[in-house]
Amino acid sequence: MRRDTFLKSLAALAAAGALPTAAWANVSIKMMIPANPGGGWDGTGRALGEALRDAGVASSVTFENKGGAAGAIGLAQFYNASKGDPNALMVMGAVMLGGIITGKPPVSVTQLTPIARLTTEYNVFVLPADSPFKTMKDVVEQLKKDPGSVKWGGGSRGSTEHIAAAQIAQSVGVPASKINYVPFRGGGEATAAILGGNVSVGGSGYSEFQQYIESGKMRAIAVTSGQRVKGIDVPTLKEQGIDVEIGNWRGVFGAAGITPAQRDELTQRIVKATQSKSWAAALEKNNWTPALLTGKAFDEFVDKDFSSLRATMVRAGMV
């Protein structure tokens, strides 16, 4: 995030209310992670919990994992159980927006209270170590011959890796509706499927696959960023002649029905947490790009991303 944008965010927070007090340290935060353990939302939520404690704005953070339906199951539980609770948070991101567009669940994230965008992470596509494919070029050649024979594995239907796979197909002249995409409830399930050779190509955030890439159990063949990501020696799709770029942002929402003052206070807690040493360490460890956005700017960003994702998914035949 640009320094001037960050300073403007802090100025807006200061204008909205008093600065944090020592009393904040005695608050217990309840964190809903609407995905199974082992995935990007789980890692983000737990890193944020540690950062909240490290920054001295929470005495404890409890976590609840509730995966399924691109986060819609956990979303519904959070909405019903946390109304009016100023100390409740739910991890979410672009994947949830895509899931809401395709699944049309009874509860939408728009019924909650936007707090902050935290990070952006680009997806990496990987192959099992013993795959007959060696490069993205090999995958594309097979995709053109027989689209259904290439199994793409990743997060829930409508996830950024699902959209990226559809965009790759479109970019190389294959109808996106013909891709064979296998959705999983969480990063752990997707990882097991890739390692077991149950899918041809896997997609997710680099942090979820990092240990397997470094150990040689997976072969990274492309990253969805516009330029190579620092610390990740993986070619972009654009380098390989595929005009696709897409990022997976993650953030947090508060409970429905909290007051503007409670939203401001919860936002300030998050801002303080992102200034902690433990958060800086998490960014470096996971190759997350900091992308802090709060207040009205975050509200507008979510609205715009909803519209953009919906348009892309309609064109790809997902909706």
Protein backbone atom coordinates (compact mmCIF):
# COMPACT_ATOMS: atom_id res chain seq x y z
CA MET A 1 0.00 0.00 0.00
CA ARG A 2 1.23 3.50 -0.82
CA ARG A 3 2.42 5.51 2.16
CA ASP A 4 0.22 8.53 1.38
CA THR A 5 -2.89 6.33 1.15
CA PHE A 6 -2.02 4.69 4.45
CA LEU A 7 -1.53 8.04 6.17
CA LYS A 8 -4.88 9.25 4.86
CA SER A 9 -6.52 6.15 6.34
CA LEU A 10 -4.98 6.85 9.72
CA ALA A 11 -6.06 10.49 9.57
CA ALA A 12 -9.63 9.42 8.85
CA LEU A 13 -9.59 7.07 11.82
CA ALA A 14 -8.26 9.76 14.12
CA ALA A 15 -11.03 12.09 13.02
CA ALA A 16 -13.67 9.43 13.63
CA GLY A 17 -12.97 8.97 17.32
CA ALA A 18 -10.54 8.78 20.17
CA LEU A 19 -7.26 6.98 19.87
CA PRO A 20 -6.95 3.48 21.39
CA THR A 21 -6.87 3.23 25.16
CA ALA A 22 -5.33 0.74 27.55
CA ALA A 23 -8.80 -0.70 28.18
CA TRP A 24 -8.65 -2.29 24.73
CA ALA A 25 -6.16 -4.83 26.02
CA ASN A 26 -8.86 -6.46 28.18
CA VAL A 27 -11.14 -7.33 25.27
CA SER A 28 -11.60 -10.85 23.90
CA ILE A 29 -12.13 -11.06 20.15
CA LYS A 30 -14.16 -13.85 18.58
CA MET A 31 -12.95 -14.71 15.08
CA MET A 32 -15.07 -16.67 12.59
CA ILE A 33 -13.03 -18.39 9.88
CA PRO A 34 -15.58 -19.59 7.29
CA ALA A 35 -13.28 -22.28 5.90
CA ASN A 36 -11.62 -25.48 7.03
CA PRO A 37 -8.19 -25.36 8.72
CA GLY A 38 -5.13 -25.09 6.50
CA GLY A 39 -6.25 -22.57 3.91
CA GLY A 40 -5.64 -18.89 3.22
CA TRP A 41 -8.53 -17.59 5.34
CA ASP A 42 -7.40 -19.75 8.23
CA GLY A 43 -3.83 -18.47 7.97
CA THR A 44 -5.01 -14.87 7.68
CA GLY A 45 -7.35 -15.12 10.66
CA ARG A 46 -4.81 -16.72 12.95
CA ALA A 47 -2.06 -14.29 11.93
CA LEU A 48 -4.43 -11.38 12.58
CA GLY A 49 -5.35 -12.82 15.98
CA GLU A 50 -1.70 -12.97 16.96
CA ALA A 51 -1.21 -9.42 15.70
CA LEU A 52 -4.17 -8.14 17.75
CA ARG A 53 -2.58 -9.59 20.88
CA ASP A 54 0.88 -8.38 19.90
CA ALA A 55 -0.44 -4.83 19.38
CA GLY A 56 -2.05 -4.85 22.84
CA VAL A 57 -5.60 -4.30 21.57
CA ALA A 58 -6.98 -7.71 22.58
CA SER A 59 -6.27 -9.93 25.57
CA SER A 60 -7.33 -13.07 23.75
CA VAL A 61 -8.69 -14.23 20.40
CA THR A 62 -10.79 -17.35 19.95
CA PHE A 63 -11.27 -18.99 16.56
CA GLU A 64 -14.04 -21.02 14.99
CA ASN A 65 -13.65 -22.78 11.64
CA LYS A 66 -16.82 -23.44 9.66
CA GLY A 67 -16.08 -24.34 6.06
CA GLY A 68 -18.24 -24.93 3.02
CA ALA A 69 -19.99 -23.20 0.12
CA ALA A 70 -17.27 -20.56 -0.41
CA GLY A 71 -17.72 -19.40 3.17
CA ALA A 72 -21.52 -19.12 3.01
CA ILE A 73 -22.08 -21.63 5.83
CA GLY A 74 -19.76 -19.80 8.22
CA LEU A 75 -21.18 -16.48 7.03
CA ALA A 76 -24.72 -17.50 7.95
CA GLN A 77 -23.62 -18.78 11.35
CA PHE A 78 -21.67 -15.59 12.05
CA TYR A 79 -24.61 -13.39 11.01
CA ASN A 80 -27.09 -15.23 13.23
CA ALA A 81 -24.86 -15.69 16.28
CA SER A 82 -23.01 -12.36 16.43
CA LYS A 83 -25.60 -9.63 15.80
CA GLY A 84 -24.67 -6.49 17.69
CA ASP A 85 -21.41 -7.95 19.07
CA PRO A 86 -18.69 -5.28 18.73
CA ASN A 87 -15.93 -7.81 19.43
CA ALA A 88 -16.75 -10.30 16.67
CA LEU A 89 -14.86 -10.55 13.37
CA MET A 90 -15.17 -12.73 10.29
CA VAL A 91 -12.39 -13.32 7.77
CA MET A 92 -13.53 -13.03 4.15
CA GLY A 93 -12.38 -11.94 0.72
CA ALA A 94 -12.81 -12.18 -3.02
CA VAL A 95 -13.59 -15.90 -2.81
CA MET A 96 -16.67 -15.21 -0.69
CA LEU A 97 -17.96 -12.61 -3.14
CA GLY A 98 -17.64 -15.12 -5.98
CA GLY A 99 -19.41 -17.79 -3.95
CA ILE A 100 -22.29 -15.45 -3.13
CA ILE A 101 -22.70 -14.60 -6.82
CA THR A 102 -22.84 -18.27 -7.88
CA GLY A 103 -24.56 -19.80 -4.86
CA LYS A 104 -27.00 -17.00 -3.94
CA PRO A 105 -27.06 -17.97 -0.23
CA PRO A 106 -29.79 -16.61 2.10
CA VAL A 107 -27.26 -14.41 3.92
CA SER A 108 -24.96 -12.01 2.05
CA VAL A 109 -21.80 -10.35 3.31
CA THR A 110 -23.52 -7.01 2.59
CA GLN A 111 -25.65 -7.66 5.69
CA LEU A 112 -22.52 -7.44 7.87
CA THR A 113 -20.32 -4.46 8.78
CA PRO A 114 -17.27 -3.83 6.56
CA ILE A 115 -14.09 -3.30 8.59
CA ALA A 116 -10.94 -3.64 6.49
CA ARG A 117 -9.18 -5.15 3.53
CA LEU A 118 -5.88 -6.55 4.77
CA THR A 119 -3.85 -8.18 2.03
CA THR A 120 -3.70 -9.21 -1.59
CA GLU A 121 -2.20 -12.54 -2.57
CA TYR A 122 -1.72 -13.79 -6.09
CA ASN A 123 -2.59 -17.34 -7.00
CA VAL A 124 0.00 -19.86 -8.08
CA PHE A 125 -0.79 -22.86 -10.25
CA VAL A 126 1.01 -26.10 -9.43
CA LEU A 127 1.38 -29.63 -10.72
CA PRO A 128 1.94 -32.82 -8.73
CA ALA A 129 5.63 -33.71 -8.82
CA ASP A 130 5.00 -36.81 -10.98
CA SER A 131 2.65 -35.09 -13.42
CA PRO A 132 3.13 -35.84 -17.13
CA PHE A 133 2.84 -32.06 -17.62
CA LYS A 134 5.94 -30.01 -16.96
CA THR A 135 4.87 -26.46 -17.84
CA MET A 136 1.77 -24.32 -18.30
CA LYS A 137 2.35 -24.70 -22.04
CA ASP A 138 1.84 -28.46 -21.66
CA VAL A 139 -1.39 -27.85 -19.74
CA VAL A 140 -2.68 -25.43 -22.37
CA GLU A 141 -1.91 -27.82 -25.23
CA GLN A 142 -3.91 -30.58 -23.53
CA LEU A 143 -6.67 -28.12 -22.66
CA LYS A 144 -7.04 -27.25 -26.33
CA LYS A 145 -7.15 -30.94 -27.33
CA ASP A 146 -9.61 -32.10 -24.66
CA PRO A 147 -10.75 -29.47 -22.09
CA GLY A 148 -12.48 -32.00 -19.86
CA SER A 149 -9.34 -34.11 -19.44
CA VAL A 150 -7.60 -31.34 -17.49
CA LYS A 151 -8.90 -31.26 -13.92
CA TRP A 152 -8.38 -27.89 -12.21
CA GLY A 153 -8.49 -28.12 -8.40
CA GLY A 154 -8.87 -25.25 -5.97
CA GLY A 155 -11.21 -23.38 -3.67
CA SER A 156 -14.98 -23.23 -3.86
CA ARG A 157 -16.86 -22.50 -7.07
CA GLY A 158 -16.36 -18.83 -7.89
CA SER A 159 -12.97 -18.60 -6.17
CA THR A 160 -10.20 -16.54 -7.74
CA GLU A 161 -8.41 -19.68 -8.93
CA HIS A 162 -11.67 -20.86 -10.54
CA ILE A 163 -12.05 -17.52 -12.30
CA ALA A 164 -8.36 -17.55 -13.27
CA ALA A 165 -8.74 -21.05 -14.80
CA ALA A 166 -11.75 -19.82 -16.79
CA GLN A 167 -9.83 -16.77 -17.96
CA ILE A 168 -6.87 -18.93 -19.00
CA ALA A 169 -9.21 -21.06 -21.09
CA GLN A 170 -10.76 -17.99 -22.73
CA SER A 171 -7.34 -16.51 -23.38
CA VAL A 172 -6.23 -19.58 -25.35
CA GLY A 173 -9.46 -19.98 -27.29
CA VAL A 174 -11.25 -22.60 -25.17
CA PRO A 175 -14.82 -21.84 -23.97
CA ALA A 176 -14.63 -21.22 -20.22
CA SER A 177 -17.78 -23.28 -19.71
CA LYS A 178 -15.85 -26.38 -20.80
CA ILE A 179 -13.22 -26.34 -18.05
CA ASN A 180 -13.31 -29.23 -15.61
CA TYR A 181 -13.07 -27.48 -12.24
CA VAL A 182 -13.10 -29.45 -8.98
CA PRO A 183 -13.94 -27.26 -5.94
CA PHE A 184 -12.74 -28.06 -2.42
CA ARG A 185 -13.99 -26.85 0.97
CA GLY A 186 -10.57 -25.70 2.13
CA GLY A 187 -6.88 -25.48 1.33
CA GLY A 188 -6.08 -28.70 3.17
CA GLU A 189 -8.44 -30.75 0.99
CA ALA A 190 -7.15 -29.15 -2.20
CA THR A 191 -3.54 -29.82 -1.20
CA ALA A 192 -4.28 -33.49 -0.51
CA ALA A 193 -5.99 -33.85 -3.91
CA ILE A 194 -3.00 -32.31 -5.71
CA LEU A 195 -0.43 -34.41 -3.86
CA GLY A 196 -2.53 -37.51 -4.52
CA GLY A 197 -2.74 -36.78 -8.24
CA ASN A 198 -6.54 -36.52 -8.13
CA VAL A 199 -6.44 -33.24 -10.06
CA SER A 200 -4.22 -32.23 -12.98
CA VAL A 201 -3.53 -28.65 -11.88
CA GLY A 202 -3.98 -26.99 -8.50
CA GLY A 203 -4.44 -23.31 -7.75
CA SER A 204 -4.29 -21.28 -4.55
CA GLY A 205 -2.26 -18.66 -2.72
CA TYR A 206 1.48 -19.30 -2.73
CA SER A 207 1.60 -19.57 1.07
CA GLU A 208 -0.66 -22.62 1.01
CA PHE A 209 1.64 -24.52 -1.35
CA GLN A 210 5.00 -23.07 -0.36
CA GLN A 211 6.31 -25.97 1.73
CA TYR A 212 5.37 -28.50 -0.97
CA ILE A 213 6.92 -26.43 -3.73
CA GLU A 214 10.15 -26.01 -1.76
CA SER A 215 10.27 -29.73 -0.91
CA GLY A 216 9.75 -30.72 -4.54
CA LYS A 217 6.36 -32.38 -4.01
CA MET A 218 4.71 -29.78 -6.26
CA ARG A 219 5.95 -27.96 -9.34
CA ALA A 220 4.90 -24.30 -9.61
CA ILE A 221 4.19 -23.35 -13.23
CA ALA A 222 2.57 -19.90 -13.12
CA VAL A 223 1.57 -17.01 -10.88
CA THR A 224 -1.40 -14.72 -11.60
CA SER A 225 0.37 -11.41 -10.87
CA GLY A 226 1.18 -8.81 -13.52
CA GLN A 227 4.87 -8.99 -12.64
CA ARG A 228 6.92 -11.58 -10.79
CA VAL A 229 6.34 -11.53 -7.07
CA LYS A 230 9.38 -10.79 -4.92
CA GLY A 231 10.68 -13.95 -3.31
CA ILE A 232 8.70 -16.24 -5.63
CA ASP A 233 10.68 -17.61 -8.58
CA VAL A 234 7.66 -18.49 -10.68
CA PRO A 235 6.85 -17.06 -14.14
CA THR A 236 3.67 -15.04 -14.57
CA LEU A 237 0.93 -16.13 -16.95
CA LYS A 238 1.61 -13.01 -19.00
CA GLU A 239 5.25 -14.04 -19.43
CA GLN A 240 3.94 -17.23 -20.99
CA GLY A 241 1.68 -15.47 -23.48
CA ILE A 242 -1.54 -15.81 -21.44
CA ASP A 243 -3.12 -12.41 -20.81
CA VAL A 244 -4.54 -13.07 -17.33
CA GLU A 245 -3.91 -11.17 -14.10
CA ILE A 246 -6.01 -11.58 -10.96
CA GLY A 247 -5.40 -11.07 -7.22
CA ASN A 248 -7.02 -12.69 -4.21
CA TRP A 249 -7.66 -10.07 -1.51
CA ARG A 250 -8.58 -10.91 2.07
CA GLY A 251 -10.14 -8.82 4.81
CA VAL A 252 -12.47 -8.78 7.80
CA PHE A 253 -16.07 -7.82 8.46
CA GLY A 254 -17.74 -7.12 11.80
CA ALA A 255 -21.11 -8.27 13.04
CA ALA A 256 -24.43 -6.97 11.78
CA GLY A 257 -26.05 -4.25 13.85
CA ILE A 258 -23.03 -2.67 15.53
CA THR A 259 -23.01 1.11 15.88
CA PRO A 260 -20.84 3.49 13.82
CA ALA A 261 -18.77 4.19 16.95
CA GLN A 262 -18.24 0.46 17.52
CA ARG A 263 -17.24 0.03 13.88
CA ASP A 264 -14.70 2.86 14.22
CA GLU A 265 -13.21 1.30 17.35
CA LEU A 266 -12.98 -2.15 15.79
CA THR A 267 -11.36 -0.61 12.71
CA GLN A 268 -8.76 1.13 14.87
CA ARG A 269 -7.95 -2.20 16.53
CA ILE A 270 -7.30 -3.74 13.11
CA VAL A 271 -5.12 -0.81 12.01
CA LYS A 272 -3.05 -1.12 15.20
CA ALA A 273 -2.72 -4.88 14.62
CA THR A 274 -1.35 -4.30 11.10
CA GLN A 275 1.36 -2.11 12.60
CA SER A 276 2.63 -4.90 14.86
CA LYS A 277 5.84 -6.87 14.47
CA SER A 278 3.97 -10.17 14.25
CA TRP A 279 1.86 -8.92 11.33
CA ALA A 280 4.98 -7.74 9.49
CA ALA A 281 6.47 -11.19 10.03
CA ALA A 282 3.31 -12.87 8.70
CA LEU A 283 3.39 -10.73 5.56
CA GLU A 284 6.99 -11.70 4.87
CA LYS A 285 6.54 -15.38 5.68
CA ASN A 286 3.47 -15.81 3.48
CA ASN A 287 4.45 -13.44 0.65
CA TRP A 288 1.26 -11.42 1.28
CA THR A 289 1.09 -7.94 -0.22
CA PRO A 290 -0.18 -5.40 2.35
CA ALA A 291 -3.37 -3.75 1.07
CA LEU A 292 -4.97 -2.01 4.05
CA LEU A 293 -8.22 -0.26 3.19
CA THR A 294 -10.85 0.92 5.68
CA GLY A 295 -13.96 3.07 6.03
CA LYS A 296 -15.86 4.40 3.02
CA ALA A 297 -13.01 3.45 0.67
CA PHE A 298 -13.39 -0.21 1.68
CA ASP A 299 -17.18 -0.04 1.29
CA GLU A 300 -16.79 1.28 -2.25
CA PHE A 301 -14.08 -1.27 -3.07
CA VAL A 302 -16.33 -4.20 -2.07
CA ASP A 303 -19.23 -2.83 -4.14
CA LYS A 304 -16.99 -2.38 -7.17
CA ASP A 305 -15.42 -5.84 -6.81
CA PHE A 306 -18.86 -7.46 -6.55
CA SER A 307 -19.85 -5.83 -9.85
CA SER A 308 -16.58 -6.69 -11.59
CA LEU A 309 -16.62 -10.34 -10.47
CA ARG A 310 -20.25 -10.77 -11.48
CA ALA A 311 -19.51 -9.43 -14.97
CA THR A 312 -16.50 -11.75 -15.38
CA MET A 313 -18.43 -14.80 -14.16
CA VAL A 314 -21.35 -14.12 -16.48
CA ARG A 315 -19.00 -13.90 -19.44
CA ALA A 316 -17.36 -17.16 -18.34
CA GLY A 317 -20.69 -18.95 -18.05
CA MET A 318 -20.38 -19.49 -14.30
CA VAL A 319 -23.64 -17.70 -13.50
